[in-house]
Protein backbone atom coordinates (compact mmCIF):
# COMPACT_ATOMS: atom_id res chain seq x y z
CA MET A 1 -0.45 0.34 -0.13
CA MET A 2 1.49 3.92 -1.46
CA GLY A 3 0.62 7.21 0.71
CA GLY A 4 -2.94 7.05 3.04
CA ASP A 5 -3.15 7.55 6.87
CA PRO A 6 -0.67 4.86 8.66
CA GLY A 7 -3.21 4.14 11.15
CA ASN A 8 -5.46 2.91 8.29
CA VAL A 9 -2.97 -0.13 7.95
CA ARG A 10 -4.42 -3.62 8.25
CA HIS A 11 -2.28 -6.10 10.40
CA LEU A 12 -2.60 -9.49 9.29
CA PRO A 13 -2.29 -12.04 12.66
CA MET A 14 1.11 -13.57 12.29
CA PRO A 15 0.76 -17.63 11.97
CA ALA A 16 1.38 -19.66 15.24
CA PRO A 17 4.96 -20.84 15.39
CA THR A 18 5.28 -24.69 14.67
CA GLU A 19 7.50 -27.67 15.55
CA PRO A 20 9.00 -30.14 14.33
CA ASP A 21 7.11 -33.76 14.33
CA ASP A 22 9.38 -36.26 14.98
CA GLY A 23 7.68 -38.65 16.99
CA GLU A 24 8.93 -37.39 20.08
CA ALA A 25 8.04 -34.00 20.00
CA ALA A 26 4.14 -34.83 18.88
CA LYS A 27 4.60 -36.74 22.24
CA ARG A 28 5.81 -33.69 24.13
CA PRO A 29 6.44 -30.66 22.50
CA LEU A 30 9.32 -28.88 23.58
CA SER A 31 6.56 -25.56 24.57
CA ALA A 32 5.43 -28.33 27.60
CA ALA A 33 8.47 -29.67 27.90
CA LEU A 34 10.04 -25.92 28.73
CA ALA A 35 6.65 -24.88 30.87
CA LEU A 36 7.60 -27.59 33.36
CA ALA A 37 10.95 -26.91 33.03
CA LEU A 38 10.39 -23.15 34.60
CA THR A 39 10.28 -24.26 38.30
CA THR A 40 11.70 -22.46 41.56
CA TYR A 41 14.45 -23.79 42.63
CA SER A 42 13.88 -25.98 46.02
CA ALA A 43 15.53 -26.32 49.51
CA GLU A 44 17.29 -29.36 48.08
CA GLU A 45 18.61 -27.61 45.34
CA LEU A 46 19.84 -24.37 47.47
CA GLU A 47 21.20 -27.47 49.66
CA ALA A 48 23.26 -28.89 47.49
CA SER A 49 24.61 -25.62 45.78
CA GLY A 50 27.00 -24.93 49.19
CA ARG A 51 28.74 -28.41 47.49
CA PRO A 52 31.85 -27.46 45.23
CA HIS A 53 31.59 -29.03 41.56
CA PRO A 54 33.06 -32.43 41.82
CA HIS A 55 37.12 -32.68 40.01
CA ALA A 56 39.38 -35.64 39.37
CA PHE A 57 41.24 -34.22 42.17
CA MET A 58 39.83 -31.45 44.50
CA GLY A 59 40.40 -29.79 47.91
CA GLY A 60 37.73 -27.31 49.44
CA GLU A 61 37.49 -24.92 46.66
CA ALA A 62 39.87 -25.55 44.52
CA GLY A 63 40.09 -28.45 41.95
CA LEU A 64 42.19 -30.37 38.92
CA PHE A 65 39.99 -31.65 35.87
CA PRO A 66 36.14 -30.81 36.70
CA ILE A 67 34.34 -34.12 36.15
CA SER A 68 31.47 -33.95 33.04
CA GLU A 69 33.64 -31.13 31.64
CA VAL A 70 36.24 -30.60 28.80
CA SER A 71 40.65 -30.09 30.43
CA VAL A 72 42.56 -28.49 27.95
CA VAL A 73 47.06 -29.47 29.01
CA ALA A 74 48.92 -27.70 26.66
CA SER A 75 52.95 -27.50 25.71
CA PRO A 76 55.15 -27.42 23.40
CA GLY A 77 56.09 -30.26 21.53
CA ARG A 78 58.78 -33.12 23.13
CA GLU A 79 58.18 -31.51 26.52
CA GLY A 80 56.55 -34.16 28.77
CA LYS A 81 53.19 -33.53 28.05
CA THR A 82 52.35 -37.19 28.07
CA TYR A 83 54.84 -38.83 30.99
CA SER A 84 53.35 -35.64 33.29
CA LEU A 85 49.47 -37.41 32.69
CA VAL A 86 50.77 -40.89 32.98
CA ALA A 87 52.15 -39.79 36.36
CA ILE A 88 49.08 -37.69 37.25
CA ALA A 89 46.92 -40.81 35.79
CA ALA A 90 48.98 -42.44 38.09
CA ALA A 91 48.30 -40.66 41.54
CA TYR A 92 44.52 -40.52 40.23
CA VAL A 93 44.12 -44.26 40.37
CA ARG A 94 46.42 -44.67 43.56
CA GLY A 95 44.65 -42.46 45.45
CA GLU A 96 47.52 -40.22 46.12
CA THR A 97 47.56 -36.10 46.59
CA LEU A 98 48.56 -33.57 44.42
CA ALA A 99 49.25 -30.14 45.25
CA GLY A 100 46.88 -30.38 48.32
CA LEU A 101 44.13 -32.30 46.15
CA ASP A 102 42.41 -35.85 47.14
CA PRO A 103 41.47 -37.79 44.34
CA MET A 104 38.19 -39.57 43.97
CA PRO A 105 38.30 -42.19 45.57
CA LYS A 106 38.81 -45.89 43.59
CA ARG A 107 38.52 -44.90 40.27
CA THR A 108 40.52 -46.45 36.97
CA ALA A 109 41.77 -43.93 34.45
CA VAL A 110 41.58 -43.96 30.51
CA ILE A 111 44.35 -42.96 27.87
CA TYR A 112 42.60 -42.78 23.98
CA SER A 113 46.09 -42.75 22.39
CA ALA A 114 47.00 -42.83 18.65
CA GLU A 115 50.33 -40.73 18.75
CA ASP A 116 52.48 -43.41 21.81
CA ASP A 117 50.48 -46.75 21.29
CA ARG A 118 49.79 -49.49 23.75
CA ALA A 119 53.50 -50.88 23.95
CA GLN A 120 54.55 -46.85 24.20
CA TYR A 121 52.46 -46.55 27.26
CA ALA A 122 53.63 -50.04 28.92
CA ARG A 123 56.74 -48.88 28.85
CA LYS A 124 55.58 -45.26 30.79
CA LEU A 125 53.83 -47.58 33.40
CA GLY A 126 56.73 -50.10 33.36
CA ALA A 127 58.72 -47.10 34.45
CA LEU A 128 56.40 -45.85 37.22
CA LYS A 129 56.14 -49.38 38.49
CA TRP A 130 59.83 -49.64 38.93
CA MET A 131 60.10 -45.87 40.56
CA LEU A 132 56.75 -46.04 42.71
CA GLY A 133 57.92 -49.76 43.77
CA ASP A 134 54.95 -51.27 46.07
CA THR A 135 56.07 -49.52 49.25
CA THR A 136 53.29 -47.20 49.82
CA ASN A 137 50.64 -48.72 48.15
CA SER A 138 49.36 -52.59 48.01
CA ILE A 139 47.27 -52.35 44.69
CA GLU A 140 48.44 -52.84 41.53
CA TRP A 141 47.65 -49.35 40.12
CA TRP A 142 48.86 -50.04 36.87
CA LYS A 143 45.95 -52.31 36.43
CA ARG A 144 43.78 -49.67 36.65
CA ILE A 145 45.69 -47.52 33.95
CA LEU A 146 43.48 -48.93 30.91
CA VAL A 147 44.94 -47.99 27.24
CA PRO A 148 43.34 -49.49 24.45
CA ASP A 149 44.75 -50.75 21.45
CA LEU A 150 43.84 -48.19 18.95
CA GLU A 151 46.32 -49.99 16.37
CA ASP A 152 43.80 -52.78 16.43
CA SER A 153 42.04 -54.07 13.06
CA GLY A 154 38.37 -53.57 14.30
CA ILE A 155 39.59 -49.58 15.37
CA ARG A 156 41.70 -48.48 13.47
CA GLU A 157 40.19 -47.18 10.67
CA TRP A 158 37.57 -45.12 12.87
CA ARG A 159 39.65 -43.96 15.97
CA GLU A 160 38.95 -40.58 15.10
CA LEU A 161 36.62 -38.40 16.92
CA VAL A 162 36.70 -35.74 14.41
CA ARG A 163 36.64 -36.47 10.26
CA VAL A 164 35.73 -34.69 7.37
CA SER A 165 32.81 -35.98 5.56
CA ALA A 166 33.23 -37.05 2.28
CA LEU A 167 29.53 -35.15 1.28
CA THR A 168 30.17 -31.60 2.62
CA ARG A 169 33.84 -31.94 3.02
CA ARG A 170 33.59 -30.07 6.20
CA PRO A 171 34.59 -31.32 10.32
CA GLU A 172 32.24 -33.51 11.76
CA LYS A 173 31.50 -35.74 15.13
CA SER A 174 33.00 -39.14 14.12
CA GLN A 175 31.08 -42.86 15.11
CA ALA A 176 33.57 -43.36 17.75
CA VAL A 177 32.18 -40.68 19.99
CA ALA A 178 29.19 -42.85 20.16
CA ALA A 179 31.41 -45.81 20.16
CA ILE A 180 33.07 -44.95 23.42
CA ILE A 181 30.20 -43.63 25.34
CA ASN A 182 28.91 -47.16 24.96
CA ALA A 183 32.03 -49.13 25.52
CA LEU A 184 32.37 -47.25 28.82
CA ALA A 185 28.91 -46.80 30.01
CA PRO A 186 28.51 -50.57 31.61
CA ARG A 187 31.33 -49.90 33.23
CA MET A 188 30.69 -46.57 34.85
CA ASP A 189 29.32 -48.36 37.44
CA ASP A 190 32.03 -50.62 38.68
CA GLU A 191 33.28 -50.79 42.39
CA VAL A 192 36.52 -49.43 40.79
CA ALA A 193 34.44 -47.07 37.89
CA PRO A 194 36.56 -44.86 35.21
CA GLY A 195 36.71 -41.28 36.18
CA LEU A 196 39.63 -39.29 34.21
CA LEU A 197 39.57 -39.85 30.55
CA ILE A 198 43.14 -38.61 28.78
CA PHE A 199 42.61 -37.85 24.69
CA GLU A 200 46.09 -37.11 22.40
CA THR A 201 44.68 -34.59 20.06
CA ALA A 202 46.36 -36.78 17.31
CA SER A 203 43.66 -39.59 18.49
CA THR A 204 40.72 -37.11 17.81
CA LEU A 205 41.18 -35.39 14.42
CA SER A 206 42.08 -37.34 11.38
CA ASP A 207 42.65 -34.66 8.16
CA ALA A 208 40.43 -31.71 9.92
CA GLU A 209 42.66 -28.99 10.59
CA GLU A 210 43.31 -27.30 13.35
CA ASP A 211 41.64 -24.45 12.99
CA ASN A 212 37.92 -22.71 15.01
CA THR A 213 35.95 -25.54 13.07
CA GLY A 214 37.22 -28.94 13.45
CA LEU A 215 38.04 -27.88 16.82
CA LYS A 216 34.73 -26.92 17.70
CA VAL A 217 33.59 -29.80 16.97
CA LEU A 218 36.36 -31.47 18.56
CA VAL A 219 35.23 -30.10 21.65
CA SER A 220 31.79 -30.70 21.13
CA ALA A 221 32.67 -33.90 20.43
CA LEU A 222 34.67 -34.50 24.39
CA LYS A 223 31.43 -32.45 25.91
CA ASP A 224 29.46 -35.36 24.68
CA ILE A 225 31.82 -37.80 26.33
CA ALA A 226 31.91 -35.84 29.48
CA LYS A 227 28.31 -35.51 30.16
CA ALA A 228 27.34 -38.79 28.35
CA LEU A 229 29.37 -40.86 31.30
CA GLY A 230 29.97 -37.98 34.44
CA ILE A 231 33.78 -38.13 33.59
CA ALA A 232 36.76 -35.82 33.79
CA VAL A 233 37.93 -35.39 30.25
CA VAL A 234 41.89 -33.59 29.60
CA LEU A 235 43.19 -33.32 25.95
CA VAL A 236 46.63 -33.23 25.88
CA HIS A 237 47.54 -30.73 22.63
CA HIS A 238 49.92 -27.98 21.57
CA THR A 239 51.03 -24.48 22.12
CA SER A 240 51.70 -22.12 19.38
CA GLN A 241 55.12 -21.22 18.28
CA ALA A 242 54.49 -18.09 19.31
CA GLY A 243 53.53 -18.71 22.44
CA ALA A 244 57.33 -19.83 22.91
CA SER A 245 58.11 -16.14 23.45
CA ASN A 246 56.49 -16.09 27.24
CA LEU A 247 58.14 -18.93 28.10
CA ALA A 248 61.08 -16.87 29.19
CA THR A 249 59.36 -14.84 31.58
CA LEU A 250 56.59 -17.77 32.80
CA ASN A 251 54.02 -15.48 31.68
CA PRO A 252 51.70 -17.88 29.50
CA THR A 253 47.82 -17.44 28.59
CA THR A 254 45.23 -19.12 26.49
CA ALA A 255 46.25 -17.24 23.91
CA ASP A 256 49.25 -19.28 23.55
CA ILE A 257 47.30 -22.98 23.05
CA ARG A 258 47.25 -23.58 19.55
CA GLY A 259 44.10 -23.55 17.03
CA GLY A 260 42.24 -20.83 17.70
CA THR A 261 39.82 -19.49 20.97
CA ALA A 262 37.14 -22.58 19.91
CA LEU A 263 38.75 -24.94 22.42
CA THR A 264 40.12 -23.06 25.17
CA ALA A 265 36.96 -21.20 25.15
CA ASN A 266 34.91 -24.18 25.30
CA ALA A 267 36.56 -26.06 28.05
CA ARG A 268 36.86 -25.31 31.40
CA GLN A 269 40.01 -25.64 32.43
CA CYS A 270 43.60 -24.90 30.46
CA LEU A 271 46.62 -26.01 31.58
CA MET A 272 50.23 -25.35 31.13
CA LEU A 273 53.19 -27.62 31.71
CA VAL A 274 56.50 -26.20 31.40
CA ASN A 275 60.20 -27.27 31.02
CA LEU A 276 62.29 -25.76 34.32
CA GLY A 277 65.29 -26.94 32.70
CA SER A 278 67.98 -28.84 34.74
CA GLU A 279 71.63 -28.13 36.63
CA ASP A 280 73.36 -30.10 33.70
CA ASP A 281 71.05 -27.98 31.14
CA PRO A 282 69.91 -25.10 32.16
CA PHE A 283 68.24 -22.20 31.04
CA PRO A 284 70.03 -19.29 31.72
CA ASP A 285 70.08 -17.21 34.67
CA SER A 286 68.05 -14.83 34.31
CA ASP A 287 65.11 -16.68 32.60
CA ALA A 288 62.13 -17.33 34.97
CA ARG A 289 62.27 -20.52 34.42
CA THR A 290 65.55 -21.30 36.21
CA VAL A 291 64.13 -18.59 38.93
CA LEU A 292 61.40 -21.31 39.35
CA ARG A 293 63.42 -24.11 39.37
CA LYS A 294 65.51 -22.29 41.98
CA MET A 295 62.79 -21.22 44.16
CA TRP A 296 61.46 -24.12 43.99
CA ALA A 297 64.19 -27.03 44.87
CA PRO A 298 67.03 -25.09 44.62
CA LEU A 299 69.13 -28.45 45.70
CA GLU A 300 67.88 -30.03 42.49
CA ARG A 301 69.96 -31.18 39.99
CA ARG A 302 67.45 -33.29 37.83
CA ARG A 303 64.86 -32.04 35.32
CA LEU A 304 61.75 -30.53 36.35
CA SER A 305 58.44 -29.96 35.07
CA MET A 306 55.52 -27.46 36.49
CA LEU A 307 51.62 -27.77 34.72
CA ILE A 308 50.54 -24.50 35.86
CA CYS A 309 46.78 -23.50 35.74
CA LEU A 310 45.95 -20.62 33.49
CA ASP A 311 42.10 -20.84 33.54
CA SER A 312 39.16 -22.19 35.55
CA SER A 313 35.86 -21.71 35.78
CA LYS A 314 34.42 -24.50 37.74
CA SER A 315 36.89 -24.17 40.84
CA LEU A 316 39.47 -22.15 42.02
CA PRO A 317 42.70 -22.49 40.09
CA PRO A 318 45.13 -25.59 41.32
CA ARG A 319 47.73 -24.74 42.61
CA PRO A 320 51.35 -25.08 40.46
CA ILE A 321 52.48 -29.02 40.63
CA ALA A 322 56.13 -29.79 40.20
CA PHE A 323 57.71 -33.02 38.47
CA ALA A 324 61.26 -34.04 38.58
CA TRP A 325 62.84 -36.48 36.19
CA GLU A 326 64.12 -39.12 37.14
CA SER A 327 65.95 -42.45 34.71
CA THR A 328 65.00 -45.76 35.46
CA PRO A 329 67.28 -48.86 34.24
CA LYS A 330 65.13 -50.34 31.40
CA HIS A 331 61.93 -48.35 30.83
CA GLY A 332 63.55 -44.80 30.05
CA PRO A 333 62.33 -41.32 32.38
CA ALA A 334 59.19 -41.00 34.86
CA LEU A 335 57.90 -38.01 35.82
CA LYS A 336 57.78 -38.32 39.82
CA PRO A 337 55.26 -35.03 41.99
CA ILE A 338 57.39 -33.39 44.41
CA GLY A 339 55.85 -31.08 46.80
CA ALA A 340 56.88 -27.81 47.33
CA PRO A 341 58.72 -25.81 49.84
CA GLN A 342 58.50 -24.85 53.19
CA HIS A 343 57.32 -21.37 52.46
CA LEU A 344 55.59 -22.21 48.96
CA ILE A 345 53.22 -24.35 50.20
CA GLY A 346 49.51 -23.12 49.40
CA ALA A 347 50.78 -20.61 47.64
CA SER A 348 48.94 -19.61 44.48
CA TRP A 349 50.46 -19.24 40.79
CA ARG A 350 49.71 -15.63 40.52
CA LYS A 351 51.43 -15.64 44.19
CA VAL A 352 54.89 -18.02 42.70
CA ARG A 353 54.21 -15.61 39.23
CA ALA A 354 54.76 -12.20 42.00
CA MET A 355 57.56 -13.81 43.62
CA ILE A 356 59.22 -14.29 40.34
CA ASP A 357 59.12 -11.53 39.19
CA GLY A 358 60.25 -9.90 42.23
CA LYS A 359 63.81 -12.01 42.45
CA ARG A 360 64.26 -10.96 38.81
CA ALA A 361 63.99 -7.28 39.61
CA ASP A 362 66.05 -8.39 42.44
CA ALA A 363 68.36 -10.06 39.96
CA ARG A 364 68.55 -7.09 37.65
CA ALA A 365 68.78 -4.82 40.33
CA ASP A 366 72.39 -6.46 41.53
CA ALA A 367 73.43 -7.10 37.81
CA LYS A 368 73.21 -3.04 37.95
CA ALA A 369 74.82 -2.86 40.79
CA THR A 370 78.14 -4.87 39.81
CA GLU A 371 78.36 -3.29 36.52
CA VAL A 372 78.35 -0.26 38.16
CA ALA A 373 80.55 -0.80 40.72
CA ALA A 374 82.84 -2.69 37.61
CA LYS A 375 82.88 0.68 36.31
CA VAL A 376 83.78 2.91 39.37
CA GLN A 377 86.60 0.49 39.71
CA ASN A 378 88.05 1.48 35.94
CA VAL A 379 87.34 4.99 36.66
CA VAL A 380 89.37 5.18 39.69
CA GLU A 381 92.21 2.97 38.11
CA ALA A 382 92.31 5.17 35.16
CA VAL A 383 92.84 8.27 37.52
CA ARG A 384 95.70 6.54 39.45
CA ARG A 385 97.50 5.80 35.91
CA LEU A 386 96.84 10.17 34.86
CA GLN A 387 98.03 11.04 38.24
CA ASP A 388 101.57 8.33 37.81
CA ALA A 389 101.69 9.86 34.71
CA GLY A 390 101.56 13.77 35.85
CA THR A 391 98.24 14.48 33.45
CA PRO A 392 95.47 16.16 35.55
CA ALA A 393 92.68 13.72 35.69
CA SER A 394 89.45 15.23 34.58
CA ALA A 395 86.31 13.52 32.97
CA LYS A 396 87.29 13.93 29.45
CA ALA A 397 91.25 12.76 30.31
CA VAL A 398 89.50 10.05 32.67
CA SER A 399 86.96 8.85 29.71
CA ALA A 400 89.93 9.08 27.08
CA ALA A 401 91.69 7.34 29.48
CA CYS A 402 88.94 4.22 29.36
CA SER A 403 88.56 4.50 26.06
CA ARG A 404 84.79 6.34 26.14
CA THR A 405 83.19 9.37 25.00
CA LYS A 406 83.93 12.25 26.73
CA GLU A 407 81.12 12.60 29.15
CA TRP A 408 80.89 8.88 29.76
CA ALA A 409 82.90 8.80 33.40
CA LEU A 410 81.57 11.70 35.11
CA PRO A 411 78.59 9.62 36.74
CA TYR A 412 81.43 6.64 37.38
CA LEU A 413 83.61 9.28 39.13
CA GLN A 414 81.23 11.09 41.42
CA ASN A 415 80.16 7.62 42.22
CA ALA A 416 83.26 7.11 43.23
CA VAL A 417 84.16 10.23 45.03
CA GLU A 418 80.46 9.72 47.11
CA GLN A 419 82.36 6.60 48.42
CA GLY A 420 84.89 8.25 49.53
CA LEU A 421 87.66 6.44 46.65
CA LEU A 422 88.50 9.95 45.10
CA THR A 423 88.99 13.30 46.39
CA THR A 424 88.41 16.55 43.68
CA SER A 425 90.09 19.98 43.10
CA THR A 426 89.18 22.65 40.77
CA GLU A 427 91.84 23.73 38.68
CA ARG A 428 92.39 26.13 36.20
CA LEU A 429 94.40 23.98 33.02
CA PRO A 430 96.53 25.41 29.93
CA HIS A 431 94.82 26.50 27.45
CA THR A 432 91.57 26.08 29.08
CA ARG A 433 88.81 29.31 30.08
CA SER A 434 87.14 27.78 33.07
CA ASP A 435 88.48 26.20 36.29
CA THR A 436 88.06 22.23 35.38
CA THR A 437 87.27 19.20 38.41
CA ILE A 438 90.24 17.29 38.86
CA TYR A 439 89.61 13.86 40.51
CA ARG A 440 92.74 11.65 42.56
CA ALA A 441 92.73 8.79 44.21
CA ALA A 442 92.21 8.84 47.92
CA ASN A 443 95.27 6.71 49.20
CA TRP A 444 97.74 8.92 46.63
CA ALA A 445 100.15 11.25 47.86
CA ASN A 446 103.47 12.03 46.05
CA GLY A 447 103.25 9.47 43.37
CA ALA A 448 102.96 6.99 45.95
CA MET A 449 99.90 4.20 45.66
């Protein structure tokens, strides 16, 4: 309708929205189900809300690996992610405390990996078994860590959680997601039930790119598994090349985890494993990793690694967890959790990080003071050489004697005077129009030192 009085325009009634008729919706339409869900909180719900969200490891309001959620543990390549997760899984099934956090009792851990095969995990467990022995725990704990053989002919072809659709060429969940749920569901009522499920990225993606699209589908698949089973799911992943620049200052963030924001934004806990070096293969003294290693274990010569929580939304962040690398006779290395020193017990990563910054600032100040002291000593020696040669030791002359620009020596000469190492007098030198400050060694008299 063109022109006319807008008040006379007729508004036709909109048709009522329809819901898909898929059988189940016909029996209980979405609108009816939603109406039933619009209820007030009960006293029981409010009482239950006082309990923290359950985690694989818990201590008060802090937790490690939330139940029914996805956590990400990342690090650069070849830094020991798998070794650290095996050590954590061993502590979990053995019922041992980590950084003040207690594990859920009587649980099994499952590791879904195509990056390291079943035989390689047997080697890692063999190393831990040798290192731990049976003196503190009588159970055969290694039987509580389950590692399916993904090279088996019935699994290998469909082991990835995300595959690229042949039809749409887009990443989608594979049948492995339902298979994992169906395989583990009957075990969830066991006396020693699965409680921790660890995936490696190489086991979850086929030729799907590690971009936001592929990782969004991946985290959705992992969440499906976590919620269906009521289990803590952990994804072992990699950091970006750009993130390596933050390690020397120990200032990592979730942005350093590879693959965009789809993964970290949908995970409920993000952690990073950091190599702190060893006595035989250290980082530079000024590197924050060296500072932390010496803070945590000043007498430890072995390589140390530390698990740091970057983000946690279902609990307070867990405290840093340190591991020492130990060699075993037949099975290669194993990681052993080591406790915090007395002054760091109970300290959060934020507090530890502030202490590292403080120590690095003190070290820089000490280095600066040492550098200044050396330069003061240089100018004092230059003054003495000029005096021995019968040459007036002006700031310009001292700078030249030290092979520096003409004003370089002045602040160090003044520092030496303040310390009583030099004395001054004012003289009119030949070919000058004004008085010049001349420096002399405080203990120099008549040419004698």
